[in-house]
Amino acid sequence: MKKSIYIILLAISLITTFSACSNSTPKNSAVETKADEKAVYTCTMHPEVRRDKPGDCPICGMPLVKMNVADSTMYMPDHNHSDTMHMN
């Protein structure tokens, strides 16, 4: 009787252990997906230029680069570029 109880407890603990280890989906995958959806692209020469998709800077024409999530939450004042000389 004692032997069968030990075998049952051992089987339950093994099943629990293997089922806990087989979870292959990372818990932060939803967070990473949301971060990718909210990507912010900026110009390296004009950090006030921000876009939600890659492209070229409207001021200098340089390619926009993807910002880090931590950098994209920084406050940047709006700039209307009325005092900026545009070169074509």
C-alpha atoms as a PDB file:
ATOM      1  CA  MET A   1       0.000   0.000   0.000  1.00  0.00           C
ATOM      2  CA  LYS A   2       2.801   2.434   0.909  1.00  0.00           C
ATOM      3  CA  LYS A   3       4.680   1.498  -2.218  1.00  0.00           C
ATOM      4  CA  SER A   4       1.712   2.272  -4.491  1.00  0.00           C
ATOM      5  CA  ILE A   5       1.204   5.677  -2.828  1.00  0.00           C
ATOM      6  CA  TYR A   6       4.866   6.532  -3.417  1.00  0.00           C
ATOM      7  CA  ILE A   7       4.594   5.495  -7.064  1.00  0.00           C
ATOM      8  CA  ILE A   8       1.453   7.602  -7.567  1.00  0.00           C
ATOM      9  CA  LEU A   9       3.063  10.651  -5.922  1.00  0.00           C
ATOM     10  CA  LEU A  10       6.185  10.182  -8.025  1.00  0.00           C
ATOM     11  CA  ALA A  11       4.111   9.928 -11.209  1.00  0.00           C
ATOM     12  CA  ILE A  12       2.142  13.077 -10.333  1.00  0.00           C
ATOM     13  CA  SER A  13       5.295  15.039  -9.571  1.00  0.00           C
ATOM     14  CA  LEU A  14       6.927  13.927 -12.843  1.00  0.00           C
ATOM     15  CA  ILE A  15       3.856  14.855 -14.866  1.00  0.00           C
ATOM     16  CA  THR A  16       3.681  18.251 -13.168  1.00  0.00           C
ATOM     17  CA  THR A  17       7.366  18.889 -13.759  1.00  0.00           C
ATOM     18  CA  PHE A  18       7.293  17.970 -17.444  1.00  0.00           C
ATOM     19  CA  SER A  19       4.103  19.906 -18.145  1.00  0.00           C
ATOM     20  CA  ALA A  20       5.564  23.036 -16.534  1.00  0.00           C
ATOM     21  CA  CYS A  21       8.780  22.753 -18.543  1.00  0.00           C
ATOM     22  CA  SER A  22       7.104  22.183 -21.892  1.00  0.00           C
ATOM     23  CA  ASN A  23       5.533  25.641 -22.077  1.00  0.00           C
ATOM     24  CA  SER A  24       7.459  27.098 -25.026  1.00  0.00           C
ATOM     25  CA  THR A  25       5.553  30.383 -25.457  1.00  0.00           C
ATOM     26  CA  PRO A  26       7.388  33.235 -23.770  1.00  0.00           C
ATOM     27  CA  LYS A  27       5.232  35.396 -21.537  1.00  0.00           C
ATOM     28  CA  ASN A  28       6.559  38.671 -22.925  1.00  0.00           C
ATOM     29  CA  SER A  29       5.794  37.910 -26.594  1.00  0.00           C
ATOM     30  CA  ALA A  30       2.651  40.061 -26.474  1.00  0.00           C
ATOM     31  CA  VAL A  31       4.664  42.963 -25.098  1.00  0.00           C
ATOM     32  CA  GLU A  32       7.247  42.647 -27.871  1.00  0.00           C
ATOM     33  CA  THR A  33       4.516  42.533 -30.504  1.00  0.00           C
ATOM     34  CA  LYS A  34       2.968  45.721 -29.170  1.00  0.00           C
ATOM     35  CA  ALA A  35       6.385  47.371 -29.113  1.00  0.00           C
ATOM     36  CA  ASP A  36       6.913  46.463 -32.776  1.00  0.00           C
ATOM     37  CA  GLU A  37       3.483  47.841 -33.692  1.00  0.00           C
ATOM     38  CA  LYS A  38       4.291  51.161 -32.024  1.00  0.00           C
ATOM     39  CA  ALA A  39       7.717  51.570 -33.593  1.00  0.00           C
ATOM     40  CA  VAL A  40       8.886  55.151 -33.973  1.00  0.00           C
ATOM     41  CA  TYR A  41      11.305  56.208 -36.684  1.00  0.00           C
ATOM     42  CA  THR A  42      13.364  59.395 -36.472  1.00  0.00           C
ATOM     43  CA  CYS A  43      16.089  61.251 -38.321  1.00  0.00           C
ATOM     44  CA  THR A  44      19.552  61.143 -36.789  1.00  0.00           C
ATOM     45  CA  MET A  45      20.133  64.779 -37.743  1.00  0.00           C
ATOM     46  CA  HIS A  46      16.629  66.016 -36.839  1.00  0.00           C
ATOM     47  CA  PRO A  47      15.389  64.094 -33.767  1.00  0.00           C
ATOM     48  CA  GLU A  48      12.216  66.173 -33.668  1.00  0.00           C
ATOM     49  CA  VAL A  49      11.062  64.376 -36.844  1.00  0.00           C
ATOM     50  CA  ARG A  50       9.120  61.283 -35.838  1.00  0.00           C
ATOM     51  CA  ARG A  51       7.143  58.898 -38.015  1.00  0.00           C
ATOM     52  CA  ASP A  52       5.328  55.631 -37.378  1.00  0.00           C
ATOM     53  CA  LYS A  53       6.870  53.951 -40.432  1.00  0.00           C
ATOM     54  CA  PRO A  54      10.257  54.024 -42.153  1.00  0.00           C
ATOM     55  CA  GLY A  55      10.938  56.584 -44.827  1.00  0.00           C
ATOM     56  CA  ASP A  56      13.049  59.673 -45.456  1.00  0.00           C
ATOM     57  CA  CYS A  57      13.416  62.805 -43.349  1.00  0.00           C
ATOM     58  CA  PRO A  58      11.284  65.622 -44.802  1.00  0.00           C
ATOM     59  CA  ILE A  59      14.032  68.131 -43.918  1.00  0.00           C
ATOM     60  CA  CYS A  60      17.260  66.537 -45.133  1.00  0.00           C
ATOM     61  CA  GLY A  61      16.154  63.402 -46.981  1.00  0.00           C
ATOM     62  CA  MET A  62      18.193  61.016 -44.832  1.00  0.00           C
ATOM     63  CA  PRO A  63      16.624  57.609 -44.070  1.00  0.00           C
ATOM     64  CA  LEU A  64      14.713  57.469 -40.797  1.00  0.00           C
ATOM     65  CA  VAL A  65      16.018  54.998 -38.227  1.00  0.00           C
ATOM     66  CA  LYS A  66      14.023  52.995 -35.717  1.00  0.00           C
ATOM     67  CA  MET A  67      14.168  54.338 -32.174  1.00  0.00           C
ATOM     68  CA  ASN A  68      14.460  52.192 -29.085  1.00  0.00           C
ATOM     69  CA  VAL A  69      11.253  51.870 -27.062  1.00  0.00           C
ATOM     70  CA  ALA A  70      12.851  53.742 -24.139  1.00  0.00           C
ATOM     71  CA  ASP A  71      13.984  56.570 -26.442  1.00  0.00           C
ATOM     72  CA  SER A  72      10.610  56.934 -28.136  1.00  0.00           C
ATOM     73  CA  THR A  73       8.875  57.775 -24.856  1.00  0.00           C
ATOM     74  CA  MET A  74      11.095  60.802 -24.248  1.00  0.00           C
ATOM     75  CA  TYR A  75       9.379  64.164 -24.545  1.00  0.00           C
ATOM     76  CA  MET A  76      10.299  66.072 -27.639  1.00  0.00           C
ATOM     77  CA  PRO A  77       8.736  69.495 -28.206  1.00  0.00           C
ATOM     78  CA  ASP A  78       6.804  70.069 -31.407  1.00  0.00           C
ATOM     79  CA  HIS A  79       8.750  72.023 -33.975  1.00  0.00           C
ATOM     80  CA  ASN A  80       7.054  73.652 -36.949  1.00  0.00           C
ATOM     81  CA  HIS A  81      10.307  74.151 -38.916  1.00  0.00           C
ATOM     82  CA  SER A  82       9.364  77.720 -39.846  1.00  0.00           C
ATOM     83  CA  ASP A  83      12.822  78.866 -38.724  1.00  0.00           C
ATOM     84  CA  THR A  84      14.662  76.045 -40.489  1.00  0.00           C
ATOM     85  CA  MET A  85      16.367  76.559 -43.814  1.00  0.00           C
ATOM     86  CA  HIS A  86      15.407  73.831 -46.268  1.00  0.00           C
ATOM     87  CA  MET A  87      17.918  72.645 -48.812  1.00  0.00           C
ATOM     88  CA  ASN A  88      16.615  70.986 -51.962  1.00  0.00           C
END
